[in-house]
Structures are given as structure tokens and as C-alpha cells.
């Protein structure tokens, strides 16, 4: 089933916000990102407690929606509707623990994939889109083996859902990613 409106070709994954709950600078960066045209954002905040995450998610959602950007939650709670978010992201371990799609079709569900098994499972349970990583070496995960573009192409071709290339991506990577079967590119530092 096609996603309406269609997914953006760039997915911004936010860096971890400050633990002191001073979110002004974080939200200012988010504002600049979505004002510059980023239309799909994953709010990654795994270190915040649920109350702080809920507060940040509500404020981030307001910023994103002001610019018609979608916000996917990756953090402290499981009901995106509680803060008017557009969806939920499943880290790979949580993806593999799901026996079915965790939310209704009206809410986006994304997942992090690092293998063929994870990609096929994401498709089987009806995830809307995935990130596949790491494609290239990254500074955030030094020493972790990268897939490379040939392996990325092979894996992405095995599923029919949109696949975002993650790991070492920039805006300049978009044409290469698309040539290798990606829907788009995802990243933290290049888009933040």
C-alpha cells in the first residue's frame, strides 16, 4: 500500500538530546533542519526517561508539523498518538521481537535493519520503511564492518518496502544510493 503523502528521500535521525532536559538548543537545530526542507525526522532519544521524552517529543512534533515534516519516535514510549507524532521506529532487537505490526496502518512504522533476516521480518510484519546499515564506515560506529554498495543493492532488492541507506551518508550520496536501490538516505550528522 503506497504511503500518502510519499516519503521524503532524506531521513534525519536526531542525535541524542542533552540529558539535563534543556532542549532549547536541540529544538533550535531541529527547527533549522525542517525549515531547510527535511521532511522526515526520527526523534532518537534512548537515554531520556519517559517523562522527559514525552515532553521533548511533544515539542519536536510541534516544530516538525509547523513545516509539514513527519516525526517518528524512537525512545521512551510506544504510543505516538499521545504526542501527535506520525509514527514509531523499531530498533532491530525490538523488530525481531514483534510477531505482527505493532500499530495500525494509519501510523507509520519504521525499523532498523542490519541483515537479510531483519529485512525479511520487517516486510513480513508490515513495516512501512526501514533503514539498512551501515552502508559505509561511520565515525559514530568506528570499526564496525560496512555493507558496501553491492551488498546493500542485493539486500534492498529482496524487499518491496522503501529502504533508506544509513551509515556515512550525505546529501551527495543520494544519487548513488538510488542507483543501488535505496528510496533515500538517512543520517545524523550530515543532516543535523
Protein backbone atom coordinates (compact mmCIF):
# COMPACT_ATOMS: atom_id res chain seq x y z
CA UNK A 1 0.00 0.00 0.00
CA UNK A 2 1.57 3.35 -1.02
CA UNK A 3 2.31 5.84 1.73
CA UNK A 4 0.43 9.12 1.32
CA UNK A 5 1.95 11.62 1.17
CA UNK A 6 5.02 9.84 -0.25
CA UNK A 7 8.10 9.52 1.95
CA UNK A 8 10.88 12.07 1.67
CA UNK A 9 14.19 10.93 0.19
CA UNK A 10 16.11 12.18 3.27
CA UNK A 11 15.55 10.86 6.79
CA UNK A 12 17.10 12.87 9.61
CA UNK A 13 17.90 10.82 12.71
CA UNK A 14 18.43 13.25 15.56
CA UNK A 15 21.46 12.99 17.80
CA UNK A 16 20.82 12.11 21.42
CA UNK A 17 19.42 15.21 23.20
CA UNK A 18 21.05 16.60 26.32
CA UNK A 19 20.23 14.69 29.48
CA UNK A 20 19.71 17.86 31.51
CA UNK A 21 16.33 18.45 29.84
CA UNK A 22 17.46 21.76 28.41
CA UNK A 23 16.03 21.21 24.98
CA UNK A 24 16.15 24.77 23.58
CA UNK A 25 19.33 24.32 21.53
CA UNK A 26 18.21 20.85 20.39
CA UNK A 27 14.84 22.20 19.24
CA UNK A 28 16.58 25.13 17.54
CA UNK A 29 18.69 22.67 15.49
CA UNK A 30 15.55 20.71 14.66
CA UNK A 31 13.79 23.89 13.58
CA UNK A 32 16.63 24.78 11.20
CA UNK A 33 16.67 21.25 9.76
CA UNK A 34 12.96 21.13 8.95
CA UNK A 35 12.89 24.76 7.82
CA UNK A 36 15.63 23.85 5.30
CA UNK A 37 13.45 21.13 3.78
CA UNK A 38 13.97 17.97 5.85
CA UNK A 39 10.53 16.36 5.80
CA UNK A 40 11.06 13.11 7.73
CA UNK A 41 12.63 13.02 11.21
CA UNK A 42 13.31 10.19 13.65
CA UNK A 43 13.50 11.52 17.21
CA UNK A 44 16.17 9.25 18.68
CA UNK A 45 16.39 9.76 22.43
CA UNK A 46 17.17 6.48 24.13
CA UNK A 47 18.74 7.95 27.26
CA UNK A 48 15.85 10.17 28.38
CA UNK A 49 13.36 8.95 30.95
CA UNK A 50 9.78 8.55 29.63
CA UNK A 51 8.53 11.84 31.11
CA UNK A 52 11.36 13.88 29.57
CA UNK A 53 11.00 12.02 26.26
CA UNK A 54 7.27 12.74 26.17
CA UNK A 55 7.90 16.45 26.75
CA UNK A 56 10.61 16.61 24.08
CA UNK A 57 8.50 14.57 21.64
CA UNK A 58 5.56 16.94 22.02
CA UNK A 59 7.74 19.98 21.40
CA UNK A 60 9.57 18.31 18.49
CA UNK A 61 6.27 17.29 16.95
CA UNK A 62 5.04 20.88 17.04
CA UNK A 63 8.25 22.07 15.33
CA UNK A 64 8.07 19.37 12.64
CA UNK A 65 4.38 19.84 11.90
CA UNK A 66 4.85 23.60 11.54
CA UNK A 67 6.88 22.74 8.41
CA UNK A 68 4.80 19.72 7.31
CA UNK A 69 7.59 17.35 8.35
CA UNK A 70 6.75 13.94 9.82
CA UNK A 71 8.12 12.84 13.20
CA UNK A 72 8.85 9.19 14.02
CA UNK A 73 9.51 8.33 17.68
CA UNK A 74 12.48 6.21 18.81
CA UNK A 75 12.69 6.37 22.57
CA UNK A 76 10.78 6.32 25.80
CA UNK A 77 7.23 5.27 24.92
CA UNK A 78 5.18 3.35 22.39
CA UNK A 79 2.11 5.42 21.56
CA UNK A 80 2.96 8.13 19.01
CA UNK A 81 -0.60 9.45 19.11
CA UNK A 82 -0.06 10.61 22.68
CA UNK A 83 2.05 13.49 21.33
CA UNK A 84 0.58 13.68 17.81
CA UNK A 85 3.67 12.05 16.26
CA UNK A 86 3.42 10.37 12.87
CA UNK A 87 4.95 7.03 13.72
CA UNK A 88 7.18 4.73 15.71
CA UNK A 89 10.66 3.37 14.96
CA UNK A 90 11.62 -0.17 15.98
CA UNK A 91 15.28 -0.79 16.80
CA UNK A 92 16.40 -4.14 15.35
CA UNK A 93 16.04 -6.12 18.60
CA UNK A 94 12.50 -4.86 19.10
CA UNK A 95 11.68 -5.51 15.45
CA UNK A 96 12.70 -9.14 15.81
CA UNK A 97 10.57 -9.49 18.97
CA UNK A 98 7.43 -8.36 17.11
CA UNK A 99 5.21 -11.09 15.74
CA UNK A 100 2.98 -8.56 13.95
CA UNK A 101 2.81 -4.89 13.11
CA UNK A 102 2.66 -3.05 16.47
CA UNK A 103 0.44 -0.16 15.31
CA UNK A 104 -2.49 0.48 12.99
CA UNK A 105 -1.85 1.21 9.31
CA UNK A 106 -2.75 4.87 9.89
CA UNK A 107 0.52 5.31 11.81
CA UNK A 108 3.96 4.91 10.20
CA UNK A 109 6.20 2.12 11.48
CA UNK A 110 9.89 2.05 10.60
CA UNK A 111 12.62 -0.37 11.62
CA UNK A 112 16.39 -0.59 11.82
CA UNK A 113 17.80 -3.49 9.82
CA UNK A 114 21.34 -4.82 9.59
CA UNK A 115 20.77 -8.19 7.90
CA UNK A 116 18.67 -10.09 5.36
CA UNK A 117 16.80 -11.82 8.20
CA UNK A 118 15.79 -8.47 9.72
CA UNK A 119 14.72 -7.02 6.36
CA UNK A 120 12.53 -10.02 5.56
CA UNK A 121 11.00 -9.97 9.04
CA UNK A 122 10.24 -6.23 8.73
CA UNK A 123 8.45 -6.88 5.45
CA UNK A 124 6.60 -9.89 6.86
CA UNK A 125 5.10 -7.87 9.75
CA UNK A 126 4.18 -4.91 7.52
CA UNK A 127 6.71 -2.23 8.43
CA UNK A 128 6.33 0.87 6.21
CA UNK A 129 10.04 1.56 5.67
CA UNK A 130 13.44 0.58 7.01
CA UNK A 131 16.98 1.81 7.41
CA UNK A 132 19.69 -0.61 6.31
CA UNK A 133 23.10 -0.05 7.83
CA UNK A 134 25.94 0.55 7.99
CA UNK A 135 26.47 1.04 4.27
CA UNK A 136 29.78 2.92 4.63
CA UNK A 137 32.14 3.32 7.59
CA UNK A 138 30.94 5.89 10.13
CA UNK A 139 32.51 7.96 12.86
CA UNK A 140 29.63 7.07 15.20
CA UNK A 141 30.40 3.32 14.95
CA UNK A 142 34.15 3.11 14.33
CA UNK A 143 35.44 -0.30 13.36
CA UNK A 144 32.02 -1.76 12.60
CA UNK A 145 32.09 -3.63 9.27
CA UNK A 146 30.25 -1.79 6.50
CA UNK A 147 27.97 -3.49 3.96
CA UNK A 148 29.22 -1.55 0.95
CA UNK A 149 27.04 -0.64 -2.01
CA UNK A 150 26.98 -4.06 -3.77
CA UNK A 151 25.67 -5.84 -0.64
CA UNK A 152 23.23 -3.00 0.01
CA UNK A 153 21.80 -3.39 -3.52
CA UNK A 154 21.42 -7.16 -3.11
CA UNK A 155 19.64 -6.84 0.23
CA UNK A 156 17.39 -3.93 -0.76
CA UNK A 157 16.25 -5.85 -3.85
CA UNK A 158 14.82 -8.60 -1.64
CA UNK A 159 12.07 -6.39 -0.19
CA UNK A 160 9.36 -4.21 -1.68
CA UNK A 161 9.19 -1.55 1.05
CA UNK A 162 11.27 1.66 0.93
CA UNK A 163 14.84 1.18 2.20
CA UNK A 164 16.97 4.08 3.41
CA UNK A 165 20.75 3.76 3.22
CA UNK A 166 22.29 4.62 6.59
CA UNK A 167 25.93 4.93 7.56
CA UNK A 168 28.28 7.52 6.11
CA UNK A 169 25.51 9.20 4.08
CA UNK A 170 25.32 12.85 2.99
CA UNK A 171 23.06 14.70 0.55
CA UNK A 172 25.67 13.95 -2.11
CA UNK A 173 25.13 10.21 -1.50
CA UNK A 174 21.51 10.33 -2.65
CA UNK A 175 22.09 9.60 -6.35
CA UNK A 176 24.48 6.73 -5.56
CA UNK A 177 22.02 5.32 -3.03
CA UNK A 178 19.15 5.45 -5.51
CA UNK A 179 21.31 3.79 -8.16
CA UNK A 180 21.74 0.91 -5.68
CA UNK A 181 18.03 0.50 -4.93
CA UNK A 182 17.56 2.85 -1.99
CA UNK A 183 14.50 5.01 -1.56
CA UNK A 184 16.72 7.60 0.06
CA UNK A 185 19.44 8.28 2.60
CA UNK A 186 19.36 8.58 6.37
CA UNK A 187 21.83 10.09 8.76
CA UNK A 188 22.55 12.09 11.85
CA UNK A 189 25.46 14.49 11.50
CA UNK A 190 25.11 15.22 7.77
CA UNK A 191 21.56 16.49 8.17
CA UNK A 192 21.64 17.94 11.69
